[in-house]
């Protein structure tokens, strides 16, 4: 058992949407084709929500700030966050907006996503007030590329967080436009922890080799930890590539596994546990989340994650 550390309050700023997960497809359909799914589930979605709920499931105090519509999807998401024990006092459903929806096509090898952004793209950085930051110890932002209104002010938001004494983390998510703009490298100068997956890391840096890509992002401040799916995770530590393998579980659906990895890593990192332990907790929580359909139905609690980490070879 890893020794307990001080509990820090996390503020997650990000997108809110519903995931409609279609499971058991042998392959995603080609244009003009139809395929049948074995199962279907509606779950809380979005990288930000899944990470926030994973943190709360592990026992961390979490507040969430984002934009949502005054509609059925928004009501569902608000209820899910509240039921998870997350502080949603700052959330105000807007009748002028429509809550986002993501359809996840889950196949044995991976999943494909189709998203209606809705309110996701409408939140600006200056809507994150000093009062919200004052109540937190850490700021996490997900889906840099989807949050189009937040993106231009994201570096300034992180700078305000640092000035207020918070640590910061960023999960970029995928860029649907596949442009991977150069503004991200400037934003990272105000980010303590960067959590891309391998595909995102390679696209952002232009390097195919993981070590070369990690080296390209080394700015002297930001710790980049790359999520590599079944190959675990990796980071540069004292000039060397530090790798931690994934954990083998009976996987059902990989939707949101990377976001649960974020939650597990942050759970340990905010307690100032050793780096390798943080990576193991990230891998454990990412792996355990695949036991159920959707990103949040089987997220790990602290006992489950600790047992997996402690019993692994």
Protein backbone atom coordinates (compact mmCIF):
# COMPACT_ATOMS: atom_id res chain seq x y z
CA UNK A 1 0.00 0.00 0.00
CA UNK A 2 1.33 3.42 -0.96
CA UNK A 3 1.48 5.88 1.91
CA UNK A 4 -1.31 8.43 2.04
CA UNK A 5 -0.53 12.04 1.17
CA UNK A 6 -2.33 15.34 1.51
CA UNK A 7 -5.64 15.44 -0.35
CA UNK A 8 -5.77 18.23 -2.93
CA UNK A 9 -8.82 19.73 -4.59
CA UNK A 10 -9.05 19.38 -8.38
CA UNK A 11 -10.89 21.76 -10.70
CA UNK A 12 -11.67 20.21 -14.09
CA UNK A 13 -12.51 22.71 -16.82
CA UNK A 14 -13.84 21.19 -19.97
CA UNK A 15 -16.47 19.82 -22.24
CA UNK A 16 -19.73 18.17 -21.28
CA UNK A 17 -21.45 15.65 -23.48
CA UNK A 18 -23.23 12.30 -23.56
CA UNK A 19 -21.62 9.15 -24.95
CA UNK A 20 -23.82 6.81 -26.95
CA UNK A 21 -21.72 3.63 -27.10
CA UNK A 22 -22.39 0.94 -29.68
CA UNK A 23 -20.47 -2.20 -28.75
CA UNK A 24 -19.68 -5.51 -30.41
CA UNK A 25 -19.13 -4.28 -33.95
CA UNK A 26 -16.70 -6.45 -35.90
CA UNK A 27 -15.60 -3.32 -37.76
CA UNK A 28 -16.76 0.27 -38.19
CA UNK A 29 -19.08 0.61 -41.19
CA UNK A 30 -17.77 1.92 -44.48
CA UNK A 31 -19.79 4.68 -46.23
CA UNK A 32 -23.06 3.27 -47.51
CA UNK A 33 -22.87 0.20 -45.29
CA UNK A 34 -24.73 -0.85 -42.16
CA UNK A 35 -23.42 -3.06 -39.36
CA UNK A 36 -25.12 -4.44 -36.26
CA UNK A 37 -24.04 -3.81 -32.67
CA UNK A 38 -24.32 -6.39 -29.89
CA UNK A 39 -25.02 -3.84 -27.18
CA UNK A 40 -25.75 -0.16 -26.57
CA UNK A 41 -25.37 2.14 -23.60
CA UNK A 42 -25.82 5.83 -22.85
CA UNK A 43 -23.18 7.07 -20.42
CA UNK A 44 -21.64 10.34 -19.24
CA UNK A 45 -19.10 11.27 -21.88
CA UNK A 46 -16.30 13.67 -22.80
CA UNK A 47 -12.70 13.45 -21.79
CA UNK A 48 -13.20 16.06 -19.08
CA UNK A 49 -16.24 14.42 -17.47
CA UNK A 50 -14.68 10.96 -17.52
CA UNK A 51 -11.50 12.24 -15.89
CA UNK A 52 -13.45 14.20 -13.27
CA UNK A 53 -15.63 11.21 -12.42
CA UNK A 54 -12.57 8.96 -12.26
CA UNK A 55 -10.88 11.34 -9.81
CA UNK A 56 -14.02 11.46 -7.67
CA UNK A 57 -14.34 7.65 -7.77
CA UNK A 58 -10.79 7.42 -6.38
CA UNK A 59 -11.79 9.65 -3.47
CA UNK A 60 -10.59 13.06 -4.60
CA UNK A 61 -12.56 16.28 -4.06
CA UNK A 62 -13.46 17.57 -7.54
CA UNK A 63 -15.24 20.61 -8.94
CA UNK A 64 -16.29 20.87 -12.57
CA UNK A 65 -16.82 23.91 -14.79
CA UNK A 66 -18.10 23.83 -18.36
CA UNK A 67 -20.96 24.69 -20.68
CA UNK A 68 -24.15 22.73 -21.27
CA UNK A 69 -27.56 23.24 -22.78
CA UNK A 70 -30.90 23.42 -21.03
CA UNK A 71 -31.95 20.13 -22.60
CA UNK A 72 -32.34 16.43 -21.85
CA UNK A 73 -28.67 15.65 -22.53
CA UNK A 74 -27.55 18.49 -20.27
CA UNK A 75 -29.87 17.40 -17.47
CA UNK A 76 -28.50 13.87 -17.74
CA UNK A 77 -24.87 15.03 -17.54
CA UNK A 78 -25.53 17.41 -14.65
CA UNK A 79 -27.19 14.60 -12.71
CA UNK A 80 -24.33 12.20 -13.42
CA UNK A 81 -21.71 14.67 -12.17
CA UNK A 82 -23.75 15.46 -9.07
CA UNK A 83 -24.32 11.76 -8.34
CA UNK A 84 -20.55 11.20 -8.55
CA UNK A 85 -20.07 13.67 -5.71
CA UNK A 86 -18.60 16.40 -7.93
CA UNK A 87 -19.15 20.08 -7.12
CA UNK A 88 -21.29 21.46 -9.95
CA UNK A 89 -22.25 24.77 -8.30
CA UNK A 90 -20.78 26.81 -11.16
CA UNK A 91 -22.66 24.97 -13.93
CA UNK A 92 -25.52 26.97 -15.44
CA UNK A 93 -27.53 25.26 -18.22
CA UNK A 94 -27.95 27.72 -21.10
CA UNK A 95 -31.19 27.61 -23.15
CA UNK A 96 -29.31 29.09 -26.12
CA UNK A 97 -26.95 26.09 -26.28
CA UNK A 98 -27.28 22.40 -27.09
CA UNK A 99 -25.35 19.82 -25.07
CA UNK A 100 -22.82 17.82 -27.08
CA UNK A 101 -23.23 14.17 -28.04
CA UNK A 102 -20.59 11.59 -29.01
CA UNK A 103 -21.37 8.30 -30.73
CA UNK A 104 -18.69 5.70 -29.98
CA UNK A 105 -18.36 2.72 -32.33
CA UNK A 106 -16.47 0.14 -30.28
CA UNK A 107 -14.75 -2.70 -32.17
CA UNK A 108 -12.41 -5.43 -30.83
CA UNK A 109 -9.33 -3.47 -31.94
CA UNK A 110 -10.28 0.13 -31.07
CA UNK A 111 -13.13 2.62 -31.20
CA UNK A 112 -14.21 5.35 -33.61
CA UNK A 113 -15.92 8.53 -32.42
CA UNK A 114 -18.40 10.89 -34.04
CA UNK A 115 -19.10 14.04 -32.03
CA UNK A 116 -21.65 16.84 -32.25
CA UNK A 117 -19.77 19.54 -30.37
CA UNK A 118 -22.76 21.62 -29.32
CA UNK A 119 -21.85 23.66 -26.24
CA UNK A 120 -18.34 22.16 -26.14
CA UNK A 121 -16.90 24.88 -28.35
CA UNK A 122 -18.48 27.86 -26.56
CA UNK A 123 -16.63 28.28 -23.26
CA UNK A 124 -14.02 31.06 -22.98
CA UNK A 125 -11.05 31.07 -20.61
CA UNK A 126 -12.20 34.26 -18.86
CA UNK A 127 -15.34 32.41 -17.74
CA UNK A 128 -13.16 30.49 -15.29
CA UNK A 129 -13.27 32.96 -12.43
CA UNK A 130 -10.67 33.75 -9.82
CA UNK A 131 -13.17 32.46 -7.27
CA UNK A 132 -13.19 29.02 -8.88
CA UNK A 133 -9.39 28.89 -8.93
CA UNK A 134 -9.21 30.03 -5.31
CA UNK A 135 -11.15 26.93 -4.21
CA UNK A 136 -8.80 24.49 -5.97
CA UNK A 137 -5.25 23.18 -5.70
CA UNK A 138 -4.99 21.79 -9.23
CA UNK A 139 -6.45 22.71 -12.63
CA UNK A 140 -7.00 20.06 -15.30
CA UNK A 141 -8.15 20.80 -18.87
CA UNK A 142 -9.03 18.19 -21.48
CA UNK A 143 -9.87 18.33 -25.19
CA UNK A 144 -7.72 21.31 -26.15
CA UNK A 145 -8.67 21.03 -29.82
CA UNK A 146 -12.41 20.59 -29.32
CA UNK A 147 -12.73 23.58 -26.99
CA UNK A 148 -12.33 26.18 -29.72
CA UNK A 149 -13.32 29.23 -27.66
CA UNK A 150 -11.18 28.17 -24.69
CA UNK A 151 -8.09 27.37 -26.75
CA UNK A 152 -6.90 30.94 -27.52
CA UNK A 153 -6.93 31.84 -23.82
CA UNK A 154 -5.77 28.49 -22.47
CA UNK A 155 -2.19 29.56 -21.79
CA UNK A 156 -3.42 32.65 -19.95
CA UNK A 157 -5.82 30.49 -17.91
CA UNK A 158 -2.98 28.20 -16.86
CA UNK A 159 -0.84 31.24 -16.02
CA UNK A 160 -3.63 32.60 -13.80
CA UNK A 161 -3.86 29.20 -12.13
CA UNK A 162 -0.13 29.15 -11.44
CA UNK A 163 -0.27 32.68 -10.06
CA UNK A 164 -3.02 31.50 -7.70
CA UNK A 165 -0.82 28.63 -6.48
CA UNK A 166 -2.38 25.77 -8.49
CA UNK A 167 -0.56 23.05 -10.39
CA UNK A 168 -1.84 22.31 -13.92
CA UNK A 169 -2.38 19.46 -16.36
CA UNK A 170 -3.59 19.17 -19.95
CA UNK A 171 -4.89 16.28 -22.05
CA UNK A 172 -4.96 17.56 -25.65
CA UNK A 173 -7.32 14.99 -27.15
CA UNK A 174 -7.52 14.43 -30.88
CA UNK A 175 -7.64 17.28 -33.39
CA UNK A 176 -10.54 16.52 -35.77
CA UNK A 177 -9.08 19.05 -38.25
CA UNK A 178 -5.73 17.20 -38.08
CA UNK A 179 -3.85 20.51 -38.03
CA UNK A 180 -2.26 20.22 -34.55
CA UNK A 181 -1.50 23.97 -34.41
CA UNK A 182 1.80 25.35 -33.16
CA UNK A 183 0.05 27.31 -30.38
CA UNK A 184 0.09 24.20 -28.20
CA UNK A 185 3.85 24.41 -27.65
CA UNK A 186 3.42 27.92 -26.25
CA UNK A 187 0.57 26.79 -24.01
CA UNK A 188 2.75 23.99 -22.60
CA UNK A 189 5.08 26.56 -21.03
CA UNK A 190 2.33 27.05 -18.43
CA UNK A 191 1.52 23.32 -18.04
CA UNK A 192 3.07 21.09 -15.38
CA UNK A 193 1.77 17.77 -16.71
CA UNK A 194 0.92 16.92 -20.33
CA UNK A 195 -1.00 13.70 -21.03
CA UNK A 196 -1.33 12.89 -24.76
CA UNK A 197 -1.80 9.45 -26.21
CA UNK A 198 0.77 8.07 -28.62
CA UNK A 199 -1.09 9.05 -31.78
CA UNK A 200 -1.57 12.59 -30.50
CA UNK A 201 2.05 12.88 -29.39
CA UNK A 202 3.38 11.84 -32.78
CA UNK A 203 1.00 14.14 -34.66
CA UNK A 204 1.81 17.14 -32.44
CA UNK A 205 5.58 16.72 -32.74
CA UNK A 206 5.94 15.19 -36.20
CA UNK A 207 8.18 12.44 -34.80
CA UNK A 208 7.32 8.75 -35.15
CA UNK A 209 9.72 7.52 -32.46
CA UNK A 210 8.27 7.97 -28.96
CA UNK A 211 11.57 8.99 -27.40
CA UNK A 212 12.23 11.57 -30.13
CA UNK A 213 8.69 12.94 -29.73
CA UNK A 214 9.04 13.25 -25.96
CA UNK A 215 12.40 14.95 -26.39
CA UNK A 216 10.88 17.44 -28.84
CA UNK A 217 8.38 18.55 -26.18
CA UNK A 218 10.98 18.92 -23.42
CA UNK A 219 10.71 22.60 -22.48
CA UNK A 220 12.36 22.39 -19.08
CA UNK A 221 9.08 22.57 -17.20
CA UNK A 222 6.41 20.24 -18.52
CA UNK A 223 6.33 16.56 -17.63
CA UNK A 224 4.93 14.70 -20.65
CA UNK A 225 3.55 11.21 -20.04
CA UNK A 226 2.42 9.43 -23.20
CA UNK A 227 -0.38 6.86 -23.04
CA UNK A 228 0.36 3.88 -25.27
CA UNK A 229 -2.73 1.70 -24.85
CA UNK A 230 -1.82 -1.98 -24.50
CA UNK A 231 1.87 -0.99 -24.38
CA UNK A 232 1.38 1.02 -21.17
CA UNK A 233 2.88 4.49 -20.82
CA UNK A 234 6.22 6.26 -21.06
CA UNK A 235 7.99 9.46 -20.08
CA UNK A 236 11.48 10.93 -20.12
CA UNK A 237 13.12 10.90 -16.69
CA UNK A 238 16.62 12.24 -16.17
CA UNK A 239 17.29 11.84 -19.88
CA UNK A 240 16.19 8.21 -20.04
CA UNK A 241 12.98 6.66 -21.34
CA UNK A 242 10.96 5.37 -18.39
CA UNK A 243 8.29 2.84 -19.38
CA UNK A 244 5.54 1.15 -17.39
CA UNK A 245 3.52 -1.69 -18.96
CA UNK A 246 -0.25 -1.89 -19.16
CA UNK A 247 -2.19 -4.27 -16.91
CA UNK A 248 -4.02 -7.25 -18.35
CA UNK A 249 -7.75 -7.28 -17.57
CA UNK A 250 -10.81 -8.77 -19.24
CA UNK A 251 -11.48 -5.76 -21.45
CA UNK A 252 -14.97 -5.04 -22.76
CA UNK A 253 -14.71 -1.51 -24.16
CA UNK A 254 -11.79 0.93 -24.39
CA UNK A 255 -13.93 4.10 -24.48
CA UNK A 256 -12.47 6.69 -22.11
CA UNK A 257 -9.56 4.52 -20.94
CA UNK A 258 -7.10 7.34 -21.52
CA UNK A 259 -9.20 9.70 -19.42
CA UNK A 260 -9.32 7.19 -16.57
CA UNK A 261 -5.53 6.91 -16.95
CA UNK A 262 -5.40 10.69 -16.39
CA UNK A 263 -7.48 10.30 -13.23
CA UNK A 264 -5.27 7.54 -11.85
CA UNK A 265 -2.04 9.35 -12.63
CA UNK A 266 -3.31 12.61 -11.13
CA UNK A 267 -4.58 10.81 -8.03
CA UNK A 268 -1.02 9.67 -7.31
CA UNK A 269 0.77 12.76 -8.66
CA UNK A 270 -1.26 15.15 -6.51
CA UNK A 271 -0.13 13.13 -3.49
CA UNK A 272 3.49 13.54 -4.59
CA UNK A 273 4.03 9.80 -4.94
CA UNK A 274 7.09 8.58 -6.89
CA UNK A 275 6.88 8.98 -10.67
CA UNK A 276 6.82 5.25 -11.41
CA UNK A 277 3.95 4.81 -8.93
CA UNK A 278 2.03 7.60 -10.67
CA UNK A 279 2.49 5.81 -13.98
CA UNK A 280 1.40 2.49 -12.48
CA UNK A 281 -1.74 4.07 -11.02
CA UNK A 282 -2.52 5.66 -14.38
CA UNK A 283 -2.09 2.35 -16.19
CA UNK A 284 -4.14 0.51 -13.55
CA UNK A 285 -7.06 2.93 -13.72
CA UNK A 286 -6.97 3.03 -17.51
CA UNK A 287 -6.97 -0.77 -17.72
CA UNK A 288 -9.68 -1.28 -15.10
CA UNK A 289 -12.01 1.19 -16.81
CA UNK A 290 -12.24 -1.13 -19.83
CA UNK A 291 -14.18 -3.74 -17.81
CA UNK A 292 -17.51 -2.14 -18.73
CA UNK A 293 -19.18 -0.34 -21.62
CA UNK A 294 -18.53 3.40 -21.74
CA UNK A 295 -15.97 5.51 -19.96
CA UNK A 296 -17.47 5.65 -16.46
CA UNK A 297 -19.44 2.47 -15.73
CA UNK A 298 -16.48 0.46 -14.34
CA UNK A 299 -13.97 3.07 -13.27
CA UNK A 300 -11.71 1.89 -10.47
CA UNK A 301 -11.97 2.88 -6.87
CA UNK A 302 -8.76 3.34 -4.87
CA UNK A 303 -8.88 -0.17 -3.39
CA UNK A 304 -9.18 -1.81 -6.81
CA UNK A 305 -6.41 0.26 -8.34
CA UNK A 306 -4.09 -0.30 -5.40
CA UNK A 307 -4.70 -4.05 -5.48
CA UNK A 308 -3.84 -4.23 -9.17
CA UNK A 309 -0.68 -2.18 -8.71
CA UNK A 310 0.41 -4.09 -5.61
CA UNK A 311 -0.11 -7.54 -7.12
CA UNK A 312 1.47 -6.90 -10.51
CA UNK A 313 4.91 -8.44 -11.18
